[in-house]
PDB file of N, CA and C in Angstrom:
ATOM      1  N   UNK A   1       0.849  -1.176   0.000  1.00  0.00           N
ATOM      2  CA  UNK A   1       0.000   0.000   0.000  1.00  0.00           C
ATOM      3  C   UNK A   1       0.888   1.230   0.000  1.00  0.00           C
ATOM      4  N   UNK A   2       0.620   2.130  -0.860  1.00  0.00           N
ATOM      5  CA  UNK A   2       1.340   3.397  -0.949  1.00  0.00           C
ATOM      6  C   UNK A   2       1.086   4.228   0.302  1.00  0.00           C
ATOM      7  N   UNK A   3       2.089   4.921   0.755  1.00  0.00           N
ATOM      8  CA  UNK A   3       1.926   5.808   1.910  1.00  0.00           C
ATOM      9  C   UNK A   3       1.344   7.155   1.489  1.00  0.00           C
ATOM     10  N   UNK A   4       0.862   7.278   0.261  1.00  0.00           N
ATOM     11  CA  UNK A   4       0.228   8.507  -0.196  1.00  0.00           C
ATOM     12  C   UNK A   4      -1.096   8.737   0.530  1.00  0.00           C
ATOM     13  N   UNK A   5      -1.669   7.680   1.081  1.00  0.00           N
ATOM     14  CA  UNK A   5      -2.938   7.765   1.791  1.00  0.00           C
ATOM     15  C   UNK A   5      -2.732   7.365   3.241  1.00  0.00           C
ATOM     16  N   UNK A   6      -3.446   8.046   4.136  1.00  0.00           N
ATOM     17  CA  UNK A   6      -3.383   7.678   5.546  1.00  0.00           C
ATOM     18  C   UNK A   6      -3.994   6.301   5.728  1.00  0.00           C
ATOM     19  N   UNK A   7      -3.366   5.527   6.577  1.00  0.00           N
ATOM     20  CA  UNK A   7      -3.839   4.181   6.886  1.00  0.00           C
ATOM     21  C   UNK A   7      -4.270   4.167   8.346  1.00  0.00           C
ATOM     22  N   UNK A   8      -5.432   3.584   8.631  1.00  0.00           N
ATOM     23  CA  UNK A   8      -5.923   3.557  10.005  1.00  0.00           C
ATOM     24  C   UNK A   8      -4.944   2.789  10.891  1.00  0.00           C
ATOM     25  N   UNK A   9      -4.926   3.105  12.185  1.00  0.00           N
ATOM     26  CA  UNK A   9      -3.985   2.442  13.089  1.00  0.00           C
ATOM     27  C   UNK A   9      -4.105   0.918  13.099  1.00  0.00           C
ATOM     28  N   UNK A  10      -5.289   0.385  12.831  1.00  0.00           N
ATOM     29  CA  UNK A  10      -5.467  -1.064  12.809  1.00  0.00           C
ATOM     30  C   UNK A  10      -5.194  -1.662  11.431  1.00  0.00           C
ATOM     31  N   UNK A  11      -4.804  -0.821  10.461  1.00  0.00           N
ATOM     32  CA  UNK A  11      -4.442  -1.232   9.096  1.00  0.00           C
ATOM     33  C   UNK A  11      -5.593  -1.881   8.328  1.00  0.00           C
ATOM     34  N   UNK A  12      -6.811  -1.603   8.713  1.00  0.00           N
ATOM     35  CA  UNK A  12      -7.966  -2.156   8.005  1.00  0.00           C
ATOM     36  C   UNK A  12      -8.397  -1.288   6.830  1.00  0.00           C
ATOM     37  N   UNK A  13      -8.127   0.010   6.914  1.00  0.00           N
ATOM     38  CA  UNK A  13      -8.605   0.956   5.906  1.00  0.00           C
ATOM     39  C   UNK A  13      -7.510   1.938   5.530  1.00  0.00           C
ATOM     40  N   UNK A  14      -7.689   2.555   4.367  1.00  0.00           N
ATOM     41  CA  UNK A  14      -6.936   3.753   4.026  1.00  0.00           C
ATOM     42  C   UNK A  14      -7.973   4.826   3.724  1.00  0.00           C
ATOM     43  N   UNK A  15      -7.545   6.078   3.752  1.00  0.00           N
ATOM     44  CA  UNK A  15      -8.475   7.201   3.639  1.00  0.00           C
ATOM     45  C   UNK A  15      -8.185   7.983   2.364  1.00  0.00           C
ATOM     46  N   UNK A  16      -9.237   8.196   1.575  1.00  0.00           N
ATOM     47  CA  UNK A  16      -9.150   9.032   0.378  1.00  0.00           C
ATOM     48  C   UNK A  16     -10.268  10.064   0.469  1.00  0.00           C
ATOM     49  N   UNK A  17      -9.879  11.340   0.447  1.00  0.00           N
ATOM     50  CA  UNK A  17     -10.844  12.451   0.526  1.00  0.00           C
ATOM     51  C   UNK A  17     -11.858  12.259   1.653  1.00  0.00           C
ATOM     52  N   UNK A  18     -11.358  11.860   2.815  1.00  0.00           N
ATOM     53  CA  UNK A  18     -12.200  11.745   3.996  1.00  0.00           C
ATOM     54  C   UNK A  18     -13.062  10.505   4.073  1.00  0.00           C
ATOM     55  N   UNK A  19     -12.846   9.552   3.184  1.00  0.00           N
ATOM     56  CA  UNK A  19     -13.653   8.335   3.152  1.00  0.00           C
ATOM     57  C   UNK A  19     -12.760   7.115   3.381  1.00  0.00           C
ATOM     58  N   UNK A  20     -13.273   6.161   4.174  1.00  0.00           N
ATOM     59  CA  UNK A  20     -12.540   4.921   4.450  1.00  0.00           C
ATOM     60  C   UNK A  20     -12.735   3.923   3.321  1.00  0.00           C
ATOM     61  N   UNK A  21     -11.654   3.285   2.926  1.00  0.00           N
ATOM     62  CA  UNK A  21     -11.692   2.219   1.919  1.00  0.00           C
ATOM     63  C   UNK A  21     -10.965   1.017   2.499  1.00  0.00           C
ATOM     64  N   UNK A  22     -11.629  -0.128   2.482  1.00  0.00           N
ATOM     65  CA  UNK A  22     -11.051  -1.334   3.074  1.00  0.00           C
ATOM     66  C   UNK A  22      -9.819  -1.781   2.311  1.00  0.00           C
ATOM     67  N   UNK A  23      -8.778  -2.126   3.046  1.00  0.00           N
ATOM     68  CA  UNK A  23      -7.552  -2.641   2.444  1.00  0.00           C
ATOM     69  C   UNK A  23      -7.721  -4.123   2.109  1.00  0.00           C
ATOM     70  N   UNK A  24      -6.853  -4.600   1.291  1.00  0.00           N
ATOM     71  CA  UNK A  24      -6.825  -6.029   0.967  1.00  0.00           C
ATOM     72  C   UNK A  24      -6.448  -6.821   2.211  1.00  0.00           C
ATOM     73  N   UNK A  25      -6.832  -8.059   2.211  1.00  0.00           N
ATOM     74  CA  UNK A  25      -6.533  -8.960   3.314  1.00  0.00           C
ATOM     75  C   UNK A  25      -5.021  -9.171   3.417  1.00  0.00           C
ATOM     76  N   UNK A  26      -4.400  -8.779   4.515  1.00  0.00           N
ATOM     77  CA  UNK A  26      -2.955  -8.938   4.645  1.00  0.00           C
ATOM     78  C   UNK A  26      -2.514 -10.393   4.785  1.00  0.00           C
ATOM     79  N   UNK A  27      -3.449 -11.288   5.022  1.00  0.00           N
ATOM     80  CA  UNK A  27      -3.095 -12.706   5.149  1.00  0.00           C
ATOM     81  C   UNK A  27      -2.899 -13.386   3.793  1.00  0.00           C
ATOM     82  N   UNK A  28      -3.260 -12.696   2.705  1.00  0.00           N
ATOM     83  CA  UNK A  28      -3.045 -13.290   1.375  1.00  0.00           C
ATOM     84  C   UNK A  28      -1.552 -13.367   1.086  1.00  0.00           C
ATOM     85  N   UNK A  29      -1.125 -14.498   0.556  1.00  0.00           N
ATOM     86  CA  UNK A  29       0.285 -14.598   0.191  1.00  0.00           C
ATOM     87  C   UNK A  29       0.539 -13.771  -1.068  1.00  0.00           C
ATOM     88  N   UNK A  30       1.797 -13.447  -1.316  1.00  0.00           N
ATOM     89  CA  UNK A  30       2.148 -12.564  -2.437  1.00  0.00           C
ATOM     90  C   UNK A  30       1.709 -13.111  -3.784  1.00  0.00           C
ATOM     91  N   UNK A  31       1.827 -14.406  -3.992  1.00  0.00           N
ATOM     92  CA  UNK A  31       1.445 -14.999  -5.273  1.00  0.00           C
ATOM     93  C   UNK A  31      -0.056 -14.831  -5.501  1.00  0.00           C
ATOM     94  N   UNK A  32      -0.845 -15.131  -4.489  1.00  0.00           N
ATOM     95  CA  UNK A  32      -2.301 -14.995  -4.607  1.00  0.00           C
ATOM     96  C   UNK A  32      -2.690 -13.536  -4.799  1.00  0.00           C
ATOM     97  N   UNK A  33      -2.105 -12.660  -3.989  1.00  0.00           N
ATOM     98  CA  UNK A  33      -2.419 -11.231  -4.100  1.00  0.00           C
ATOM     99  C   UNK A  33      -2.090 -10.711  -5.497  1.00  0.00           C
ATOM    100  N   UNK A  34      -0.917 -11.051  -6.005  1.00  0.00           N
ATOM    101  CA  UNK A  34      -0.519 -10.584  -7.345  1.00  0.00           C
ATOM    102  C   UNK A  34      -1.458 -11.104  -8.422  1.00  0.00           C
ATOM    103  N   UNK A  35      -1.866 -12.357  -8.312  1.00  0.00           N
ATOM    104  CA  UNK A  35      -2.801 -12.932  -9.287  1.00  0.00           C
ATOM    105  C   UNK A  35      -4.134 -12.198  -9.243  1.00  0.00           C
ATOM    106  N   UNK A  36      -4.632 -11.956  -8.038  1.00  0.00           N
ATOM    107  CA  UNK A  36      -5.923 -11.276  -7.896  1.00  0.00           C
ATOM    108  C   UNK A  36      -5.854  -9.829  -8.367  1.00  0.00           C
ATOM    109  N   UNK A  37      -4.750  -9.158  -8.114  1.00  0.00           N
ATOM    110  CA  UNK A  37      -4.598  -7.779  -8.591  1.00  0.00           C
ATOM    111  C   UNK A  37      -4.566  -7.759 -10.118  1.00  0.00           C
ATOM    112  N   UNK A  38      -3.898  -8.715 -10.727  1.00  0.00           N
ATOM    113  CA  UNK A  38      -3.882  -8.791 -12.199  1.00  0.00           C
ATOM    114  C   UNK A  38      -5.290  -9.035 -12.735  1.00  0.00           C
ATOM    115  N   UNK A  39      -6.040  -9.907 -12.058  1.00  0.00           N
ATOM    116  CA  UNK A  39      -7.426 -10.151 -12.474  1.00  0.00           C
ATOM    117  C   UNK A  39      -8.256  -8.873 -12.333  1.00  0.00           C
ATOM    118  N   UNK A  40      -8.051  -8.151 -11.252  1.00  0.00           N
ATOM    119  CA  UNK A  40      -8.781  -6.900 -11.029  1.00  0.00           C
ATOM    120  C   UNK A  40      -8.456  -5.890 -12.117  1.00  0.00           C
ATOM    121  N   UNK A  41      -7.194  -5.732 -12.439  1.00  0.00           N
ATOM    122  CA  UNK A  41      -6.804  -4.755 -13.468  1.00  0.00           C
ATOM    123  C   UNK A  41      -7.361  -5.149 -14.838  1.00  0.00           C
ATOM    124  N   UNK A  42      -7.338  -6.434 -15.154  1.00  0.00           N
ATOM    125  CA  UNK A  42      -7.906  -6.898 -16.425  1.00  0.00           C
ATOM    126  C   UNK A  42      -9.411  -6.626 -16.458  1.00  0.00           C
ATOM    127  N   UNK A  43     -10.079  -6.851 -15.340  1.00  0.00           N
ATOM    128  CA  UNK A  43     -11.520  -6.608 -15.274  1.00  0.00           C
ATOM    129  C   UNK A  43     -11.817  -5.117 -15.416  1.00  0.00           C
ATOM    130  N   UNK A  44     -10.996  -4.273 -14.819  1.00  0.00           N
ATOM    131  CA  UNK A  44     -11.203  -2.829 -14.964  1.00  0.00           C
ATOM    132  C   UNK A  44     -11.005  -2.378 -16.404  1.00  0.00           C
ATOM    133  N   UNK A  45     -10.015  -2.966 -17.077  1.00  0.00           N
ATOM    134  CA  UNK A  45      -9.832  -2.643 -18.503  1.00  0.00           C
ATOM    135  C   UNK A  45     -11.039  -3.105 -19.306  1.00  0.00           C
ATOM    136  N   UNK A  46     -11.585  -4.271 -18.943  1.00  0.00           N
ATOM    137  CA  UNK A  46     -12.767  -4.779 -19.641  1.00  0.00           C
ATOM    138  C   UNK A  46     -13.962  -3.847 -19.431  1.00  0.00           C
ATOM    139  N   UNK A  47     -14.095  -3.271 -18.236  1.00  0.00           N
ATOM    140  CA  UNK A  47     -15.163  -2.293 -17.989  1.00  0.00           C
ATOM    141  C   UNK A  47     -14.972  -1.098 -18.914  1.00  0.00           C
ATOM    142  N   UNK A  48     -13.761  -0.600 -18.974  1.00  0.00           N
ATOM    143  CA  UNK A  48     -13.465   0.554 -19.843  1.00  0.00           C
ATOM    144  C   UNK A  48     -13.804   0.249 -21.298  1.00  0.00           C
ATOM    145  N   UNK A  49     -13.452  -0.947 -21.751  1.00  0.00           N
ATOM    146  CA  UNK A  49     -13.625  -1.304 -23.156  1.00  0.00           C
ATOM    147  C   UNK A  49     -15.057  -1.685 -23.520  1.00  0.00           C
ATOM    148  N   UNK A  50     -15.896  -1.953 -22.530  1.00  0.00           N
ATOM    149  CA  UNK A  50     -17.254  -2.442 -22.798  1.00  0.00           C
ATOM    150  C   UNK A  50     -18.316  -1.374 -22.608  1.00  0.00           C
ATOM    151  N   UNK A  51     -17.952  -0.143 -22.566  1.00  0.00           N
ATOM    152  CA  UNK A  51     -18.891   0.945 -22.257  1.00  0.00           C
ATOM    153  C   UNK A  51     -20.163   0.928 -23.105  1.00  0.00           C
ATOM    154  N   UNK A  52     -20.083   0.572 -24.370  1.00  0.00           N
ATOM    155  CA  UNK A  52     -21.257   0.610 -25.252  1.00  0.00           C
ATOM    156  C   UNK A  52     -21.937  -0.745 -25.408  1.00  0.00           C
ATOM    157  N   UNK A  53     -21.517  -1.720 -24.629  1.00  0.00           N
ATOM    158  CA  UNK A  53     -22.086  -3.067 -24.713  1.00  0.00           C
ATOM    159  C   UNK A  53     -22.607  -3.464 -23.331  1.00  0.00           C
ATOM    160  N   UNK A  54     -23.901  -3.277 -23.087  1.00  0.00           N
ATOM    161  CA  UNK A  54     -24.450  -3.498 -21.742  1.00  0.00           C
ATOM    162  C   UNK A  54     -24.155  -4.884 -21.158  1.00  0.00           C
ATOM    163  N   UNK A  55     -24.250  -5.921 -21.952  1.00  0.00           N
ATOM    164  CA  UNK A  55     -24.011  -7.268 -21.424  1.00  0.00           C
ATOM    165  C   UNK A  55     -22.540  -7.457 -21.055  1.00  0.00           C
ATOM    166  N   UNK A  56     -21.648  -7.013 -21.921  1.00  0.00           N
ATOM    167  CA  UNK A  56     -20.214  -7.114 -21.646  1.00  0.00           C
ATOM    168  C   UNK A  56     -19.845  -6.252 -20.443  1.00  0.00           C
ATOM    169  N   UNK A  57     -20.468  -5.092 -20.330  1.00  0.00           N
ATOM    170  CA  UNK A  57     -20.201  -4.208 -19.204  1.00  0.00           C
ATOM    171  C   UNK A  57     -20.628  -4.861 -17.898  1.00  0.00           C
ATOM    172  N   UNK A  58     -21.784  -5.476 -17.885  1.00  0.00           N
ATOM    173  CA  UNK A  58     -22.271  -6.157 -16.682  1.00  0.00           C
ATOM    174  C   UNK A  58     -21.332  -7.293 -16.285  1.00  0.00           C
ATOM    175  N   UNK A  59     -20.863  -8.065 -17.264  1.00  0.00           N
ATOM    176  CA  UNK A  59     -19.930  -9.163 -16.973  1.00  0.00           C
ATOM    177  C   UNK A  59     -18.611  -8.624 -16.427  1.00  0.00           C
ATOM    178  N   UNK A  60     -18.117  -7.549 -17.020  1.00  0.00           N
ATOM    179  CA  UNK A  60     -16.853  -6.967 -16.574  1.00  0.00           C
ATOM    180  C   UNK A  60     -16.984  -6.419 -15.151  1.00  0.00           C
ATOM    181  N   UNK A  61     -18.085  -5.760 -14.859  1.00  0.00           N
ATOM    182  CA  UNK A  61     -18.294  -5.237 -13.512  1.00  0.00           C
ATOM    183  C   UNK A  61     -18.378  -6.367 -12.486  1.00  0.00           C
ATOM    184  N   UNK A  62     -18.996  -7.469 -12.882  1.00  0.00           N
ATOM    185  CA  UNK A  62     -19.062  -8.637 -11.984  1.00  0.00           C
ATOM    186  C   UNK A  62     -17.664  -9.167 -11.708  1.00  0.00           C
ATOM    187  N   UNK A  63     -16.806  -9.174 -12.717  1.00  0.00           N
ATOM    188  CA  UNK A  63     -15.430  -9.641 -12.518  1.00  0.00           C
ATOM    189  C   UNK A  63     -14.650  -8.702 -11.607  1.00  0.00           C
ATOM    190  N   UNK A  64     -14.899  -7.402 -11.729  1.00  0.00           N
ATOM    191  CA  UNK A  64     -14.268  -6.444 -10.809  1.00  0.00           C
ATOM    192  C   UNK A  64     -14.708  -6.759  -9.382  1.00  0.00           C
ATOM    193  N   UNK A  65     -16.008  -6.925  -9.187  1.00  0.00           N
ATOM    194  CA  UNK A  65     -16.528  -7.210  -7.855  1.00  0.00           C
ATOM    195  C   UNK A  65     -15.964  -8.522  -7.316  1.00  0.00           C
ATOM    196  N   UNK A  66     -15.935  -9.556  -8.152  1.00  0.00           N
ATOM    197  CA  UNK A  66     -15.398 -10.848  -7.716  1.00  0.00           C
ATOM    198  C   UNK A  66     -13.944 -10.723  -7.259  1.00  0.00           C
ATOM    199  N   UNK A  67     -13.142  -9.987  -8.011  1.00  0.00           N
ATOM    200  CA  UNK A  67     -11.733  -9.806  -7.648  1.00  0.00           C
ATOM    201  C   UNK A  67     -11.617  -9.036  -6.334  1.00  0.00           C
ATOM    202  N   UNK A  68     -12.428  -7.998  -6.166  1.00  0.00           N
ATOM    203  CA  UNK A  68     -12.363  -7.201  -4.942  1.00  0.00           C
ATOM    204  C   UNK A  68     -12.819  -8.021  -3.729  1.00  0.00           C
ATOM    205  N   UNK A  69     -13.815  -8.865  -3.905  1.00  0.00           N
ATOM    206  CA  UNK A  69     -14.242  -9.748  -2.818  1.00  0.00           C
ATOM    207  C   UNK A  69     -13.118 -10.724  -2.483  1.00  0.00           C
ATOM    208  N   UNK A  70     -12.483 -11.295  -3.494  1.00  0.00           N
ATOM    209  CA  UNK A  70     -11.387 -12.242  -3.257  1.00  0.00           C
ATOM    210  C   UNK A  70     -10.210 -11.575  -2.552  1.00  0.00           C
ATOM    211  N   UNK A  71      -9.968 -10.311  -2.866  1.00  0.00           N
ATOM    212  CA  UNK A  71      -8.893  -9.570  -2.202  1.00  0.00           C
ATOM    213  C   UNK A  71      -9.266  -9.156  -0.776  1.00  0.00           C
ATOM    214  N   UNK A  72     -10.544  -9.219  -0.448  1.00  0.00           N
ATOM    215  CA  UNK A  72     -11.002  -8.823   0.880  1.00  0.00           C
ATOM    216  C   UNK A  72     -11.421  -7.379   0.972  1.00  0.00           C
ATOM    217  N   UNK A  73     -11.462  -6.680  -0.157  1.00  0.00           N
ATOM    218  CA  UNK A  73     -11.825  -5.265  -0.166  1.00  0.00           C
ATOM    219  C   UNK A  73     -13.334  -5.051  -0.127  1.00  0.00           C
ATOM    220  N   UNK A  74     -14.080  -6.077  -0.452  1.00  0.00           N
ATOM    221  CA  UNK A  74     -15.546  -6.064  -0.388  1.00  0.00           C
ATOM    222  C   UNK A  74     -15.990  -7.392   0.190  1.00  0.00           C
ATOM    223  N   UNK A  75     -17.281  -7.490   0.439  1.00  0.00           N
ATOM    224  CA  UNK A  75     -17.820  -8.746   0.957  1.00  0.00           C
ATOM    225  C   UNK A  75     -17.501  -8.921   2.431  1.00  0.00           C
ATOM    226  N   UNK A  76     -17.443 -10.162   2.891  1.00  0.00           N
ATOM    227  CA  UNK A  76     -17.163 -10.407   4.310  1.00  0.00           C
ATOM    228  C   UNK A  76     -15.805  -9.823   4.711  1.00  0.00           C
ATOM    229  N   UNK A  77     -15.743  -9.298   5.915  1.00  0.00           N
ATOM    230  CA  UNK A  77     -14.485  -8.716   6.383  1.00  0.00           C
ATOM    231  C   UNK A  77     -13.449  -9.804   6.613  1.00  0.00           C
ATOM    232  N   UNK A  78     -12.185  -9.427   6.532  1.00  0.00           N
ATOM    233  CA  UNK A  78     -11.107 -10.405   6.715  1.00  0.00           C
ATOM    234  C   UNK A  78     -10.625 -10.477   8.153  1.00  0.00           C
ATOM    235  N   UNK A  79     -11.059  -9.562   9.010  1.00  0.00           N
ATOM    236  CA  UNK A  79     -10.667  -9.643  10.414  1.00  0.00           C
ATOM    237  C   UNK A  79     -11.690 -10.474  11.161  1.00  0.00           C
ATOM    238  N   UNK A  80     -11.280 -10.984  12.316  1.00  0.00           N
ATOM    239  CA  UNK A  80     -12.147 -11.933  13.020  1.00  0.00           C
ATOM    240  C   UNK A  80     -12.461 -11.523  14.459  1.00  0.00           C
ATOM    241  N   UNK A  81     -12.340 -10.227  14.767  1.00  0.00           N
ATOM    242  CA  UNK A  81     -12.620  -9.792  16.135  1.00  0.00           C
ATOM    243  C   UNK A  81     -14.044  -9.265  16.313  1.00  0.00           C
ATOM    244  N   UNK A  82     -14.864  -9.383  15.272  1.00  0.00           N
ATOM    245  CA  UNK A  82     -16.249  -8.946  15.358  1.00  0.00           C
ATOM    246  C   UNK A  82     -16.472  -7.467  15.140  1.00  0.00           C
ATOM    247  N   UNK A  83     -15.400  -6.722  14.852  1.00  0.00           N
ATOM    248  CA  UNK A  83     -15.540  -5.280  14.639  1.00  0.00           C
ATOM    249  C   UNK A  83     -16.362  -5.003  13.384  1.00  0.00           C
ATOM    250  N   UNK A  84     -17.155  -3.960  13.462  1.00  0.00           N
ATOM    251  CA  UNK A  84     -18.019  -3.545  12.353  1.00  0.00           C
ATOM    252  C   UNK A  84     -17.186  -3.069  11.161  1.00  0.00           C
ATOM    253  N   UNK A  85     -17.754  -3.210   9.986  1.00  0.00           N
ATOM    254  CA  UNK A  85     -17.107  -2.751   8.754  1.00  0.00           C
ATOM    255  C   UNK A  85     -17.553  -1.325   8.455  1.00  0.00           C
ATOM    256  N   UNK A  86     -16.569  -0.433   8.237  1.00  0.00           N
ATOM    257  CA  UNK A  86     -16.863   0.955   7.900  1.00  0.00           C
ATOM    258  C   UNK A  86     -16.409   1.289   6.484  1.00  0.00           C
ATOM    259  N   UNK A  87     -16.305   0.297   5.627  1.00  0.00           N
ATOM    260  CA  UNK A  87     -15.891   0.525   4.251  1.00  0.00           C
ATOM    261  C   UNK A  87     -16.818   1.545   3.587  1.00  0.00           C
ATOM    262  N   UNK A  88     -16.207   2.537   2.941  1.00  0.00           N
ATOM    263  CA  UNK A  88     -16.883   3.597   2.197  1.00  0.00           C
ATOM    264  C   UNK A  88     -17.584   4.640   3.072  1.00  0.00           C
ATOM    265  N   UNK A  89     -17.442   4.544   4.375  1.00  0.00           N
ATOM    266  CA  UNK A  89     -18.032   5.543   5.273  1.00  0.00           C
ATOM    267  C   UNK A  89     -17.114   6.762   5.358  1.00  0.00           C
ATOM    268  N   UNK A  90     -17.709   7.921   5.599  1.00  0.00           N
ATOM    269  CA  UNK A  90     -16.914   9.097   5.895  1.00  0.00           C
ATOM    270  C   UNK A  90     -16.236   8.881   7.246  1.00  0.00           C
ATOM    271  N   UNK A  91     -14.959   9.188   7.316  1.00  0.00           N
ATOM    272  CA  UNK A  91     -14.206   8.963   8.554  1.00  0.00           C
ATOM    273  C   UNK A  91     -14.862   9.679   9.723  1.00  0.00           C
ATOM    274  N   UNK A  92     -15.356  10.885   9.497  1.00  0.00           N
ATOM    275  CA  UNK A  92     -15.923  11.683  10.587  1.00  0.00           C
ATOM    276  C   UNK A  92     -17.137  11.021  11.232  1.00  0.00           C
ATOM    277  N   UNK A  93     -17.731  10.037  10.565  1.00  0.00           N
ATOM    278  CA  UNK A  93     -18.904   9.339  11.089  1.00  0.00           C
ATOM    279  C   UNK A  93     -18.569   7.963  11.647  1.00  0.00           C
ATOM    280  N   UNK A  94     -17.306   7.735  11.967  1.00  0.00           N
ATOM    281  CA  UNK A  94     -16.857   6.421  12.428  1.00  0.00           C
ATOM    282  C   UNK A  94     -16.020   6.567  13.696  1.00  0.00           C
ATOM    283  N   UNK A  95     -15.691   5.456  14.335  1.00  0.00           N
ATOM    284  CA  UNK A  95     -14.807   5.524  15.506  1.00  0.00           C
ATOM    285  C   UNK A  95     -13.394   6.030  15.172  1.00  0.00           C
ATOM    286  N   UNK A  96     -13.058   6.160  13.910  1.00  0.00           N
ATOM    287  CA  UNK A  96     -11.742   6.667  13.502  1.00  0.00           C
ATOM    288  C   UNK A  96     -11.704   8.198  13.428  1.00  0.00           C
ATOM    289  N   UNK A  97     -12.792   8.865  13.740  1.00  0.00           N
ATOM    290  CA  UNK A  97     -12.891  10.319  13.581  1.00  0.00           C
ATOM    291  C   UNK A  97     -11.815  11.067  14.365  1.00  0.00           C
ATOM    292  N   UNK A  98     -11.622  10.736  15.630  1.00  0.00           N
ATOM    293  CA  UNK A  98     -10.629  11.447  16.444  1.00  0.00           C
ATOM    294  C   UNK A  98      -9.217  11.200  15.912  1.00  0.00           C
ATOM    295  N   UNK A  99      -8.928   9.972  15.544  1.00  0.00           N
ATOM    296  CA  UNK A  99      -7.608   9.659  14.965  1.00  0.00           C
ATOM    297  C   UNK A  99      -7.377  10.513  13.723  1.00  0.00           C
ATOM    298  N   UNK A 100      -8.368  10.561  12.843  1.00  0.00           N
ATOM    299  CA  UNK A 100      -8.216  11.291  11.579  1.00  0.00           C
ATOM    300  C   UNK A 100      -8.080  12.788  11.827  1.00  0.00           C
ATOM    301  N   UNK A 101      -8.870  13.301  12.770  1.00  0.00           N
ATOM    302  CA  UNK A 101      -8.814  14.731  13.084  1.00  0.00           C
ATOM    303  C   UNK A 101      -7.436  15.139  13.592  1.00  0.00           C
ATOM    304  N   UNK A 102      -6.725  14.216  14.211  1.00  0.00           N
ATOM    305  CA  UNK A 102      -5.408  14.503  14.744  1.00  0.00           C
ATOM    306  C   UNK A 102      -4.269  14.391  13.761  1.00  0.00           C
ATOM    307  N   UNK A 103      -4.559  13.982  12.530  1.00  0.00           N
ATOM    308  CA  UNK A 103      -3.497  13.841  11.536  1.00  0.00           C
ATOM    309  C   UNK A 103      -3.074  15.210  11.008  1.00  0.00           C
ATOM    310  N   UNK A 104      -1.786  15.385  10.732  1.00  0.00           N
ATOM    311  CA  UNK A 104      -1.353  16.650  10.128  1.00  0.00           C
ATOM    312  C   UNK A 104      -1.905  16.768   8.711  1.00  0.00           C
ATOM    313  N   UNK A 105      -2.296  17.945   8.324  1.00  0.00           N
ATOM    314  CA  UNK A 105      -2.837  18.194   6.983  1.00  0.00           C
ATOM    315  C   UNK A 105      -1.750  18.785   6.106  1.00  0.00           C
ATOM    316  N   UNK A 106      -1.776  18.382   4.839  1.00  0.00           N
ATOM    317  CA  UNK A 106      -0.766  18.884   3.894  1.00  0.00           C
ATOM    318  C   UNK A 106      -1.105  20.282   3.434  1.00  0.00           C
TER     319      UNK A 106
END
């Protein structure tokens, strides 16, 4: 993960424009992670290329979702402590609000 984005102290999310985005499952081995990232990138290219073909676009979007679920970025959470998922929530509306408010701003 690039350090261009703030990462929550528990390493579950990174923050883009004040919104939490779930990170990939850190338990994935490098080979699996690399394969899934390649699948995700191919699926994103397929979305771009299928803009005028509704059926192809739907299939490509499904492949994007499948890859993101496999990476742990969507679907069931990859942590097992019972903590709630705040994926796509504004940081200010989550338990991470105080942490985020204390970060230095560029």
